[in-house]
PDB file of N, CA and C in Angstrom:
ATOM      1  N   UNK A   1       0.912  -1.385  -0.230  1.00  0.00           N
ATOM      2  CA  UNK A   1       0.078  -0.273  -0.363  1.00  0.00           C
ATOM      3  C   UNK A   1       0.678   1.319  -0.312  1.00  0.00           C
ATOM      4  N   UNK A   2       1.651   1.810   1.028  1.00  0.00           N
ATOM      5  CA  UNK A   2       3.034   2.589   0.833  1.00  0.00           C
ATOM      6  C   UNK A   2       3.379   2.618  -0.217  1.00  0.00           C
ATOM      7  N   UNK A   3       4.129   1.165  -0.573  1.00  0.00           N
ATOM      8  CA  UNK A   3       4.733   1.216  -2.187  1.00  0.00           C
ATOM      9  C   UNK A   3       3.428   2.331  -2.935  1.00  0.00           C
ATOM     10  N   UNK A   4       2.171   1.877  -3.952  1.00  0.00           N
ATOM     11  CA  UNK A   4       1.840   2.215  -4.775  1.00  0.00           C
ATOM     12  C   UNK A   4       1.794   3.688  -4.004  1.00  0.00           C
ATOM     13  N   UNK A   5       1.872   4.263  -3.402  1.00  0.00           N
ATOM     14  CA  UNK A   5       1.810   5.914  -2.475  1.00  0.00           C
ATOM     15  C   UNK A   5       3.324   6.167  -3.562  1.00  0.00           C
ATOM     16  N   UNK A   6       3.931   6.100  -2.968  1.00  0.00           N
ATOM     17  CA  UNK A   6       5.431   6.237  -3.695  1.00  0.00           C
ATOM     18  C   UNK A   6       5.488   6.060  -4.228  1.00  0.00           C
ATOM     19  N   UNK A   7       5.111   5.267  -5.389  1.00  0.00           N
ATOM     20  CA  UNK A   7       5.184   5.313  -7.404  1.00  0.00           C
ATOM     21  C   UNK A   7       4.720   5.906  -7.658  1.00  0.00           C
ATOM     22  N   UNK A   8       3.162   6.398  -6.698  1.00  0.00           N
ATOM     23  CA  UNK A   8       2.427   8.073  -7.358  1.00  0.00           C
ATOM     24  C   UNK A   8       2.918   8.692  -7.733  1.00  0.00           C
ATOM     25  N   UNK A   9       3.334   9.241  -6.422  1.00  0.00           N
ATOM     26  CA  UNK A   9       4.296  10.302  -5.755  1.00  0.00           C
ATOM     27  C   UNK A   9       5.202  10.799  -7.214  1.00  0.00           C
ATOM     28  N   UNK A  10       6.072   9.806  -7.206  1.00  0.00           N
ATOM     29  CA  UNK A  10       7.144   9.461  -8.123  1.00  0.00           C
ATOM     30  C   UNK A  10       6.850   9.864  -9.563  1.00  0.00           C
ATOM     31  N   UNK A  11       5.871   9.281  -9.580  1.00  0.00           N
ATOM     32  CA  UNK A  11       5.298   9.733 -11.427  1.00  0.00           C
ATOM     33  C   UNK A  11       4.438  10.871 -11.396  1.00  0.00           C
ATOM     34  N   UNK A  12       4.373  11.648 -10.443  1.00  0.00           N
ATOM     35  CA  UNK A  12       3.687  12.415 -10.663  1.00  0.00           C
ATOM     36  C   UNK A  12       4.775  13.914 -10.777  1.00  0.00           C
ATOM     37  N   UNK A  13       5.801  13.623 -10.124  1.00  0.00           N
ATOM     38  CA  UNK A  13       6.957  14.045  -9.782  1.00  0.00           C
ATOM     39  C   UNK A  13       7.418  14.038 -10.838  1.00  0.00           C
ATOM     40  N   UNK A  14       7.687  13.203 -12.083  1.00  0.00           N
ATOM     41  CA  UNK A  14       8.131  13.529 -13.126  1.00  0.00           C
ATOM     42  C   UNK A  14       7.068  14.005 -14.529  1.00  0.00           C
ATOM     43  N   UNK A  15       5.774  13.509 -14.037  1.00  0.00           N
ATOM     44  CA  UNK A  15       4.966  13.314 -15.517  1.00  0.00           C
ATOM     45  C   UNK A  15       3.821  14.661 -15.028  1.00  0.00           C
ATOM     46  N   UNK A  16       3.763  14.738 -13.977  1.00  0.00           N
ATOM     47  CA  UNK A  16       2.337  15.924 -13.319  1.00  0.00           C
ATOM     48  C   UNK A  16       2.863  16.376 -12.506  1.00  0.00           C
ATOM     49  N   UNK A  17       3.496  17.580 -12.706  1.00  0.00           N
ATOM     50  CA  UNK A  17       4.300  18.225 -11.297  1.00  0.00           C
ATOM     51  C   UNK A  17       3.081  18.961 -10.870  1.00  0.00           C
ATOM     52  N   UNK A  18       1.884  20.127 -11.703  1.00  0.00           N
ATOM     53  CA  UNK A  18       0.801  20.282 -11.150  1.00  0.00           C
ATOM     54  C   UNK A  18      -0.161  19.664 -10.124  1.00  0.00           C
ATOM     55  N   UNK A  19      -0.049  18.309 -10.830  1.00  0.00           N
ATOM     56  CA  UNK A  19      -0.615  17.198  -8.862  1.00  0.00           C
ATOM     57  C   UNK A  19      -0.081  16.962  -8.287  1.00  0.00           C
ATOM     58  N   UNK A  20       1.868  16.954  -8.325  1.00  0.00           N
ATOM     59  CA  UNK A  20       2.365  16.925  -7.153  1.00  0.00           C
ATOM     60  C   UNK A  20       2.148  17.871  -6.105  1.00  0.00           C
ATOM     61  N   UNK A  21       2.065  19.385  -7.046  1.00  0.00           N
ATOM     62  CA  UNK A  21       2.146  20.619  -6.648  1.00  0.00           C
ATOM     63  C   UNK A  21       0.999  21.117  -5.396  1.00  0.00           C
ATOM     64  N   UNK A  22       0.290  20.285  -6.404  1.00  0.00           N
ATOM     65  CA  UNK A  22      -1.593  20.813  -5.665  1.00  0.00           C
ATOM     66  C   UNK A  22      -1.603  19.283  -4.194  1.00  0.00           C
ATOM     67  N   UNK A  23      -1.092  18.273  -4.351  1.00  0.00           N
ATOM     68  CA  UNK A  23      -0.989  17.400  -3.592  1.00  0.00           C
ATOM     69  C   UNK A  23       0.303  18.061  -2.420  1.00  0.00           C
ATOM     70  N   UNK A  24       0.548  18.164  -2.870  1.00  0.00           N
ATOM     71  CA  UNK A  24       1.943  18.298  -1.131  1.00  0.00           C
ATOM     72  C   UNK A  24       1.437  19.744  -0.517  1.00  0.00           C
ATOM     73  N   UNK A  25       0.777  20.861  -1.313  1.00  0.00           N
ATOM     74  CA  UNK A  25       0.125  22.446  -0.523  1.00  0.00           C
ATOM     75  C   UNK A  25      -1.322  21.732  -0.276  1.00  0.00           C
ATOM     76  N   UNK A  26      -1.648  20.482  -0.165  1.00  0.00           N
ATOM     77  CA  UNK A  26      -3.097  20.107  -0.308  1.00  0.00           C
ATOM     78  C   UNK A  26      -4.199  21.076  -1.025  1.00  0.00           C
ATOM     79  N   UNK A  27      -3.623  22.033  -2.079  1.00  0.00           N
ATOM     80  CA  UNK A  27      -4.758  22.465  -2.808  1.00  0.00           C
ATOM     81  C   UNK A  27      -6.104  21.868  -3.488  1.00  0.00           C
ATOM     82  N   UNK A  28      -7.481  21.631  -2.599  1.00  0.00           N
ATOM     83  CA  UNK A  28      -8.721  21.148  -3.338  1.00  0.00           C
ATOM     84  C   UNK A  28      -9.096  22.208  -4.394  1.00  0.00           C
ATOM     85  N   UNK A  29      -9.316  21.357  -5.451  1.00  0.00           N
ATOM     86  CA  UNK A  29     -10.101  21.428  -6.834  1.00  0.00           C
ATOM     87  C   UNK A  29     -11.077  22.427  -6.575  1.00  0.00           C
ATOM     88  N   UNK A  30     -11.395  23.451  -6.801  1.00  0.00           N
ATOM     89  CA  UNK A  30     -12.951  23.725  -6.977  1.00  0.00           C
ATOM     90  C   UNK A  30     -13.193  23.968  -8.360  1.00  0.00           C
ATOM     91  N   UNK A  31     -15.097  23.558  -9.030  1.00  0.00           N
ATOM     92  CA  UNK A  31     -15.274  23.383  -9.764  1.00  0.00           C
ATOM     93  C   UNK A  31     -16.489  23.890  -9.739  1.00  0.00           C
ATOM     94  N   UNK A  32     -17.206  23.784 -10.928  1.00  0.00           N
ATOM     95  CA  UNK A  32     -19.287  24.287 -10.787  1.00  0.00           C
ATOM     96  C   UNK A  32     -18.939  23.628 -12.143  1.00  0.00           C
ATOM     97  N   UNK A  33     -20.765  23.147 -11.851  1.00  0.00           N
ATOM     98  CA  UNK A  33     -21.527  22.324 -13.209  1.00  0.00           C
ATOM     99  C   UNK A  33     -22.508  23.444 -12.982  1.00  0.00           C
ATOM    100  N   UNK A  34     -22.558  23.181 -14.399  1.00  0.00           N
ATOM    101  CA  UNK A  34     -23.523  23.859 -14.910  1.00  0.00           C
ATOM    102  C   UNK A  34     -25.002  23.520 -15.834  1.00  0.00           C
ATOM    103  N   UNK A  35     -25.962  22.694 -15.600  1.00  0.00           N
ATOM    104  CA  UNK A  35     -26.808  21.958 -16.160  1.00  0.00           C
ATOM    105  C   UNK A  35     -27.830  22.606 -16.377  1.00  0.00           C
ATOM    106  N   UNK A  36     -28.452  24.468 -16.546  1.00  0.00           N
ATOM    107  CA  UNK A  36     -29.652  25.205 -17.151  1.00  0.00           C
ATOM    108  C   UNK A  36     -28.412  26.392 -17.576  1.00  0.00           C
ATOM    109  N   UNK A  37     -28.769  26.799 -18.609  1.00  0.00           N
ATOM    110  CA  UNK A  37     -28.515  28.623 -19.229  1.00  0.00           C
ATOM    111  C   UNK A  37     -29.918  28.779 -18.960  1.00  0.00           C
ATOM    112  N   UNK A  38     -30.002  30.056 -18.812  1.00  0.00           N
ATOM    113  CA  UNK A  38     -31.083  31.215 -19.211  1.00  0.00           C
ATOM    114  C   UNK A  38     -30.969  32.456 -19.907  1.00  0.00           C
ATOM    115  N   UNK A  39     -31.639  32.326 -20.771  1.00  0.00           N
ATOM    116  CA  UNK A  39     -31.710  33.055 -22.197  1.00  0.00           C
ATOM    117  C   UNK A  39     -32.013  34.029 -22.562  1.00  0.00           C
ATOM    118  N   UNK A  40     -31.872  35.206 -22.963  1.00  0.00           N
ATOM    119  CA  UNK A  40     -32.805  35.783 -23.112  1.00  0.00           C
ATOM    120  C   UNK A  40     -32.402  36.715 -24.248  1.00  0.00           C
ATOM    121  N   UNK A  41     -33.072  36.542 -25.481  1.00  0.00           N
ATOM    122  CA  UNK A  41     -32.802  37.159 -27.219  1.00  0.00           C
ATOM    123  C   UNK A  41     -33.665  38.431 -27.710  1.00  0.00           C
ATOM    124  N   UNK A  42     -33.875  39.102 -26.886  1.00  0.00           N
ATOM    125  CA  UNK A  42     -35.284  40.045 -27.976  1.00  0.00           C
ATOM    126  C   UNK A  42     -35.912  39.840 -27.339  1.00  0.00           C
ATOM    127  N   UNK A  43     -36.280  40.177 -25.905  1.00  0.00           N
ATOM    128  CA  UNK A  43     -37.439  39.649 -25.286  1.00  0.00           C
ATOM    129  C   UNK A  43     -38.004  38.236 -25.103  1.00  0.00           C
ATOM    130  N   UNK A  44     -37.082  37.546 -25.290  1.00  0.00           N
ATOM    131  CA  UNK A  44     -37.719  35.944 -26.420  1.00  0.00           C
ATOM    132  C   UNK A  44     -36.638  35.207 -24.825  1.00  0.00           C
ATOM    133  N   UNK A  45     -37.278  34.895 -23.954  1.00  0.00           N
ATOM    134  CA  UNK A  45     -36.763  34.013 -22.287  1.00  0.00           C
ATOM    135  C   UNK A  45     -36.760  32.549 -22.836  1.00  0.00           C
ATOM    136  N   UNK A  46     -35.692  31.779 -22.728  1.00  0.00           N
ATOM    137  CA  UNK A  46     -35.501  30.516 -22.625  1.00  0.00           C
ATOM    138  C   UNK A  46     -35.001  29.873 -22.233  1.00  0.00           C
ATOM    139  N   UNK A  47     -35.155  29.095 -21.985  1.00  0.00           N
ATOM    140  CA  UNK A  47     -34.266  27.749 -20.289  1.00  0.00           C
ATOM    141  C   UNK A  47     -34.063  26.738 -21.434  1.00  0.00           C
ATOM    142  N   UNK A  48     -32.260  26.715 -21.560  1.00  0.00           N
ATOM    143  CA  UNK A  48     -31.787  25.187 -21.613  1.00  0.00           C
ATOM    144  C   UNK A  48     -31.382  24.308 -20.924  1.00  0.00           C
ATOM    145  N   UNK A  49     -32.006  23.397 -21.382  1.00  0.00           N
ATOM    146  CA  UNK A  49     -31.769  22.355 -20.062  1.00  0.00           C
ATOM    147  C   UNK A  49     -30.462  20.856 -21.017  1.00  0.00           C
ATOM    148  N   UNK A  50     -30.840  20.988 -22.254  1.00  0.00           N
ATOM    149  CA  UNK A  50     -29.948  19.971 -23.040  1.00  0.00           C
ATOM    150  C   UNK A  50     -28.191  20.257 -22.966  1.00  0.00           C
ATOM    151  N   UNK A  51     -27.591  19.434 -22.820  1.00  0.00           N
ATOM    152  CA  UNK A  51     -26.558  19.138 -21.898  1.00  0.00           C
ATOM    153  C   UNK A  51     -26.032  19.831 -23.732  1.00  0.00           C
ATOM    154  N   UNK A  52     -25.832  20.233 -25.046  1.00  0.00           N
ATOM    155  CA  UNK A  52     -24.970  20.393 -26.049  1.00  0.00           C
ATOM    156  C   UNK A  52     -24.940  21.694 -26.387  1.00  0.00           C
ATOM    157  N   UNK A  53     -27.047  22.229 -25.797  1.00  0.00           N
ATOM    158  CA  UNK A  53     -27.383  23.623 -25.617  1.00  0.00           C
ATOM    159  C   UNK A  53     -26.513  24.097 -24.378  1.00  0.00           C
ATOM    160  N   UNK A  54     -26.537  24.072 -23.571  1.00  0.00           N
ATOM    161  CA  UNK A  54     -25.976  24.485 -22.176  1.00  0.00           C
ATOM    162  C   UNK A  54     -24.319  24.339 -22.542  1.00  0.00           C
ATOM    163  N   UNK A  55     -23.714  23.845 -22.952  1.00  0.00           N
ATOM    164  CA  UNK A  55     -22.575  24.183 -23.672  1.00  0.00           C
ATOM    165  C   UNK A  55     -21.828  25.539 -25.122  1.00  0.00           C
ATOM    166  N   UNK A  56     -22.963  25.044 -24.961  1.00  0.00           N
ATOM    167  CA  UNK A  56     -23.375  26.141 -27.036  1.00  0.00           C
ATOM    168  C   UNK A  56     -23.369  27.664 -26.236  1.00  0.00           C
ATOM    169  N   UNK A  57     -24.168  27.356 -25.227  1.00  0.00           N
ATOM    170  CA  UNK A  57     -24.710  28.932 -24.624  1.00  0.00           C
ATOM    171  C   UNK A  57     -23.853  29.207 -23.305  1.00  0.00           C
ATOM    172  N   UNK A  58     -23.304  28.499 -22.715  1.00  0.00           N
ATOM    173  CA  UNK A  58     -21.906  29.199 -21.737  1.00  0.00           C
ATOM    174  C   UNK A  58     -20.867  29.507 -22.361  1.00  0.00           C
ATOM    175  N   UNK A  59     -20.641  28.558 -23.342  1.00  0.00           N
ATOM    176  CA  UNK A  59     -19.496  29.391 -24.480  1.00  0.00           C
ATOM    177  C   UNK A  59     -19.907  30.467 -24.714  1.00  0.00           C
ATOM    178  N   UNK A  60     -20.667  30.662 -26.233  1.00  0.00           N
ATOM    179  CA  UNK A  60     -21.209  31.626 -26.300  1.00  0.00           C
ATOM    180  C   UNK A  60     -21.031  32.890 -24.966  1.00  0.00           C
ATOM    181  N   UNK A  61     -21.879  33.172 -24.029  1.00  0.00           N
ATOM    182  CA  UNK A  61     -21.587  33.863 -22.981  1.00  0.00           C
ATOM    183  C   UNK A  61     -20.123  34.244 -22.700  1.00  0.00           C
ATOM    184  N   UNK A  62     -19.235  33.166 -22.591  1.00  0.00           N
ATOM    185  CA  UNK A  62     -18.126  33.603 -22.110  1.00  0.00           C
ATOM    186  C   UNK A  62     -17.194  34.239 -23.025  1.00  0.00           C
ATOM    187  N   UNK A  63     -17.190  34.058 -24.275  1.00  0.00           N
ATOM    188  CA  UNK A  63     -17.289  34.785 -25.494  1.00  0.00           C
ATOM    189  C   UNK A  63     -17.628  36.297 -25.785  1.00  0.00           C
ATOM    190  N   UNK A  64     -18.503  36.616 -25.284  1.00  0.00           N
ATOM    191  CA  UNK A  64     -19.410  37.528 -25.890  1.00  0.00           C
ATOM    192  C   UNK A  64     -18.707  38.745 -24.219  1.00  0.00           C
ATOM    193  N   UNK A  65     -18.570  38.487 -22.816  1.00  0.00           N
ATOM    194  CA  UNK A  65     -18.591  38.668 -21.779  1.00  0.00           C
ATOM    195  C   UNK A  65     -18.196  40.316 -21.984  1.00  0.00           C
ATOM    196  N   UNK A  66     -16.469  40.176 -22.648  1.00  0.00           N
ATOM    197  CA  UNK A  66     -15.891  40.874 -22.341  1.00  0.00           C
ATOM    198  C   UNK A  66     -15.675  42.265 -24.068  1.00  0.00           C
ATOM    199  N   UNK A  67     -17.030  41.276 -24.634  1.00  0.00           N
ATOM    200  CA  UNK A  67     -17.709  42.891 -25.853  1.00  0.00           C
ATOM    201  C   UNK A  67     -17.099  42.175 -27.261  1.00  0.00           C
ATOM    202  N   UNK A  68     -16.467  41.001 -27.078  1.00  0.00           N
ATOM    203  CA  UNK A  68     -16.867  40.461 -29.211  1.00  0.00           C
ATOM    204  C   UNK A  68     -16.477  39.169 -28.266  1.00  0.00           C
ATOM    205  N   UNK A  69     -16.776  38.136 -29.739  1.00  0.00           N
ATOM    206  CA  UNK A  69     -16.743  36.971 -29.684  1.00  0.00           C
ATOM    207  C   UNK A  69     -15.114  36.916 -30.447  1.00  0.00           C
ATOM    208  N   UNK A  70     -14.546  35.996 -29.589  1.00  0.00           N
ATOM    209  CA  UNK A  70     -13.432  35.906 -29.788  1.00  0.00           C
ATOM    210  C   UNK A  70     -13.067  34.999 -30.812  1.00  0.00           C
ATOM    211  N   UNK A  71     -13.004  33.690 -30.810  1.00  0.00           N
ATOM    212  CA  UNK A  71     -12.931  32.507 -31.483  1.00  0.00           C
ATOM    213  C   UNK A  71     -14.376  31.943 -31.650  1.00  0.00           C
ATOM    214  N   UNK A  72     -14.867  30.571 -32.504  1.00  0.00           N
ATOM    215  CA  UNK A  72     -15.850  30.310 -32.072  1.00  0.00           C
ATOM    216  C   UNK A  72     -15.290  28.915 -31.884  1.00  0.00           C
ATOM    217  N   UNK A  73     -16.453  28.179 -30.776  1.00  0.00           N
ATOM    218  CA  UNK A  73     -15.592  26.594 -30.367  1.00  0.00           C
ATOM    219  C   UNK A  73     -16.089  25.455 -30.571  1.00  0.00           C
ATOM    220  N   UNK A  74     -15.776  24.370 -31.259  1.00  0.00           N
ATOM    221  CA  UNK A  74     -16.562  23.810 -31.708  1.00  0.00           C
ATOM    222  C   UNK A  74     -17.069  22.443 -29.668  1.00  0.00           C
ATOM    223  N   UNK A  75     -18.209  22.333 -29.409  1.00  0.00           N
ATOM    224  CA  UNK A  75     -17.983  22.041 -27.679  1.00  0.00           C
ATOM    225  C   UNK A  75     -18.339  20.971 -27.666  1.00  0.00           C
ATOM    226  N   UNK A  76     -18.192  20.257 -29.589  1.00  0.00           N
ATOM    227  CA  UNK A  76     -18.897  18.876 -29.582  1.00  0.00           C
ATOM    228  C   UNK A  76     -17.475  17.547 -28.607  1.00  0.00           C
ATOM    229  N   UNK A  77     -15.889  18.427 -28.919  1.00  0.00           N
ATOM    230  CA  UNK A  77     -14.985  18.115 -28.955  1.00  0.00           C
ATOM    231  C   UNK A  77     -14.277  17.663 -27.304  1.00  0.00           C
ATOM    232  N   UNK A  78     -15.236  18.307 -26.026  1.00  0.00           N
ATOM    233  CA  UNK A  78     -15.460  18.187 -24.674  1.00  0.00           C
ATOM    234  C   UNK A  78     -16.243  17.464 -24.600  1.00  0.00           C
ATOM    235  N   UNK A  79     -15.770  16.430 -23.884  1.00  0.00           N
ATOM    236  CA  UNK A  79     -16.260  15.641 -22.821  1.00  0.00           C
ATOM    237  C   UNK A  79     -17.477  16.279 -21.558  1.00  0.00           C
ATOM    238  N   UNK A  80     -17.910  15.395 -21.235  1.00  0.00           N
ATOM    239  CA  UNK A  80     -18.983  15.694 -20.060  1.00  0.00           C
ATOM    240  C   UNK A  80     -18.322  16.046 -19.117  1.00  0.00           C
TER     241      UNK A  80
END
């Protein structure tokens, strides 16, 4: 059991430094889960709950938040 932890630590030291540093500093990973998006377009309110629609509208929101669309992204390439 201890040997497996030592092997994992050595692997992380060599191949995954971010994970090693997070482990050493006991940093907890923070994430959010977005399962629905409310969208108001030209006074038409829509609630999206389908996974692909939520991904697309979330992506669009973060592209527009600074005032301009930077680059279109194909959200089907990202796993759930």
